[in-house]
Amino acid sequence: MSTKNKLKTAWLAAFILLLTASFSPGTDSSRVFGLDIVFHLGIYAILAAVPLIALKKRLTAFLVALAIAPLGLLFETMHGSTTGYGFKMMDAFYNNLGITVGMITGIMVRLKHHYEK
């Protein structure tokens, strides 16, 4: 299995984990504050970085990575309505911060691979 296929598999696993976490009742995220921030930053960084690294077409990779932001907002809204904990602006902020970190990382890795050729 190539590295790009492994990255795509990791992206799909991260997406499924995000879906599961978004729609499961669980506990209020404010009770596990530190872990909650790490989860939001990490999962969204992975979801934004992998398309930029694994997809060949630059525009497609950028649009897929950018589309994670409204998807995160939708998941945050749905999480609030399905669990009863309400929408949390700080969680949405950490989602977008993770996306920003992921996009910067993905662009840097993509540039590194471009100049190594």
Protein backbone atom coordinates (compact mmCIF):
# COMPACT_ATOMS: atom_id res chain seq x y z
CA MET A 1 0.00 0.00 0.00
CA SER A 2 1.45 3.35 -1.01
CA THR A 3 1.91 6.27 1.36
CA LYS A 4 -0.89 8.23 -0.32
CA ASN A 5 -3.29 5.31 0.10
CA LYS A 6 -2.31 5.03 3.77
CA LEU A 7 -2.96 8.75 4.20
CA LYS A 8 -6.36 8.42 2.53
CA THR A 9 -7.19 5.52 4.85
CA ALA A 10 -6.11 7.58 7.87
CA TRP A 11 -8.26 10.47 6.62
CA LEU A 12 -11.29 8.19 6.31
CA ALA A 13 -10.68 6.76 9.79
CA ALA A 14 -10.39 10.29 11.23
CA PHE A 15 -13.62 11.28 9.47
CA ILE A 16 -15.46 8.25 10.88
CA LEU A 17 -14.08 9.01 14.35
CA LEU A 18 -15.31 12.59 14.02
CA LEU A 19 -18.77 11.43 12.93
CA THR A 20 -18.94 9.03 15.85
CA ALA A 21 -17.82 11.66 18.35
CA SER A 22 -20.14 14.30 16.92
CA PHE A 23 -23.30 12.25 17.13
CA SER A 24 -22.74 10.15 20.25
CA PRO A 25 -24.23 11.43 23.51
CA GLY A 26 -21.01 11.13 25.53
CA THR A 27 -20.21 13.69 28.17
CA ASP A 28 -20.08 17.44 28.21
CA SER A 29 -16.82 18.48 26.59
CA SER A 30 -16.17 21.13 29.24
CA ARG A 31 -15.53 18.36 31.78
CA VAL A 32 -12.56 17.02 29.83
CA PHE A 33 -11.25 20.42 28.79
CA GLY A 34 -7.65 19.59 27.90
CA LEU A 35 -8.44 16.42 25.98
CA ASP A 36 -11.30 18.10 24.18
CA ILE A 37 -9.01 20.82 22.80
CA VAL A 38 -6.44 18.25 21.69
CA PHE A 39 -9.16 16.23 19.95
CA HIS A 40 -10.59 19.26 18.12
CA LEU A 41 -7.19 20.53 17.03
CA GLY A 42 -5.83 17.12 16.06
CA ILE A 43 -8.76 15.64 14.18
CA TYR A 44 -9.38 18.78 12.14
CA ALA A 45 -5.67 19.23 11.43
CA ILE A 46 -5.58 15.69 10.03
CA LEU A 47 -8.73 16.25 7.98
CA ALA A 48 -7.29 19.44 6.47
CA ALA A 49 -3.69 18.30 5.94
CA VAL A 50 -4.21 14.92 4.30
CA PRO A 51 -6.05 16.14 1.17
CA LEU A 52 -3.30 18.69 0.54
CA ILE A 53 -0.68 15.95 0.76
CA ALA A 54 -2.47 12.99 -0.85
CA LEU A 55 -4.46 14.51 -3.72
CA LYS A 56 -2.62 15.29 -6.96
CA LYS A 57 -4.62 18.25 -8.26
CA ARG A 58 -3.84 21.38 -6.28
CA LEU A 59 -7.24 23.03 -6.67
CA THR A 60 -9.12 19.88 -5.67
CA ALA A 61 -6.83 19.34 -2.68
CA PHE A 62 -7.25 22.95 -1.54
CA LEU A 63 -11.04 22.90 -1.95
CA VAL A 64 -11.40 19.61 -0.07
CA ALA A 65 -9.24 20.95 2.78
CA LEU A 66 -11.15 24.23 2.82
CA ALA A 67 -14.51 22.41 2.84
CA ILE A 68 -13.66 20.95 6.23
CA ALA A 69 -14.42 24.34 7.89
CA PRO A 70 -18.16 24.48 7.10
CA LEU A 71 -18.36 20.75 7.74
CA GLY A 72 -16.88 21.33 11.21
CA LEU A 73 -19.42 24.06 11.88
CA LEU A 74 -22.22 21.74 10.78
CA PHE A 75 -20.93 18.91 12.98
CA GLU A 76 -20.58 21.27 15.95
CA THR A 77 -24.16 22.47 15.48
CA MET A 78 -25.46 18.92 15.10
CA HIS A 79 -23.47 17.79 18.15
CA GLY A 80 -25.07 20.54 20.20
CA SER A 81 -28.57 19.65 19.09
CA THR A 82 -28.24 15.85 19.37
CA THR A 83 -26.49 15.75 22.74
CA GLY A 84 -28.34 18.62 24.39
CA TYR A 85 -25.16 20.46 25.38
CA GLY A 86 -25.71 23.24 22.88
CA PHE A 87 -23.39 24.88 20.38
CA LYS A 88 -20.00 25.81 21.83
CA MET A 89 -18.18 28.66 20.17
CA MET A 90 -14.82 27.64 21.65
CA ASP A 91 -15.12 24.17 20.14
CA ALA A 92 -15.83 25.75 16.74
CA PHE A 93 -12.82 28.03 17.27
CA TYR A 94 -10.55 25.05 18.02
CA ASN A 95 -11.96 23.23 14.97
CA ASN A 96 -10.96 26.15 12.75
CA LEU A 97 -7.60 26.50 14.47
CA GLY A 98 -6.94 22.82 13.76
CA ILE A 99 -7.95 23.34 10.13
CA THR A 100 -5.56 26.27 9.85
CA VAL A 101 -2.70 24.27 11.36
CA GLY A 102 -3.53 21.32 9.10
CA MET A 103 -3.64 23.45 5.96
CA ILE A 104 -0.32 25.11 6.77
CA THR A 105 1.23 21.71 7.48
CA GLY A 106 -0.24 20.20 4.32
CA ILE A 107 0.99 23.07 2.15
CA MET A 108 4.47 22.86 3.67
CA VAL A 109 4.68 19.09 3.07
CA ARG A 110 3.35 19.53 -0.47
CA LEU A 111 5.95 22.21 -1.22
CA LYS A 112 8.71 20.06 0.26
CA HIS A 113 7.75 17.16 -2.01
CA HIS A 114 7.50 19.51 -4.99
CA TYR A 115 11.03 20.83 -4.56
CA GLU A 116 12.54 17.39 -3.88
CA LYS A 117 11.65 16.22 -7.39
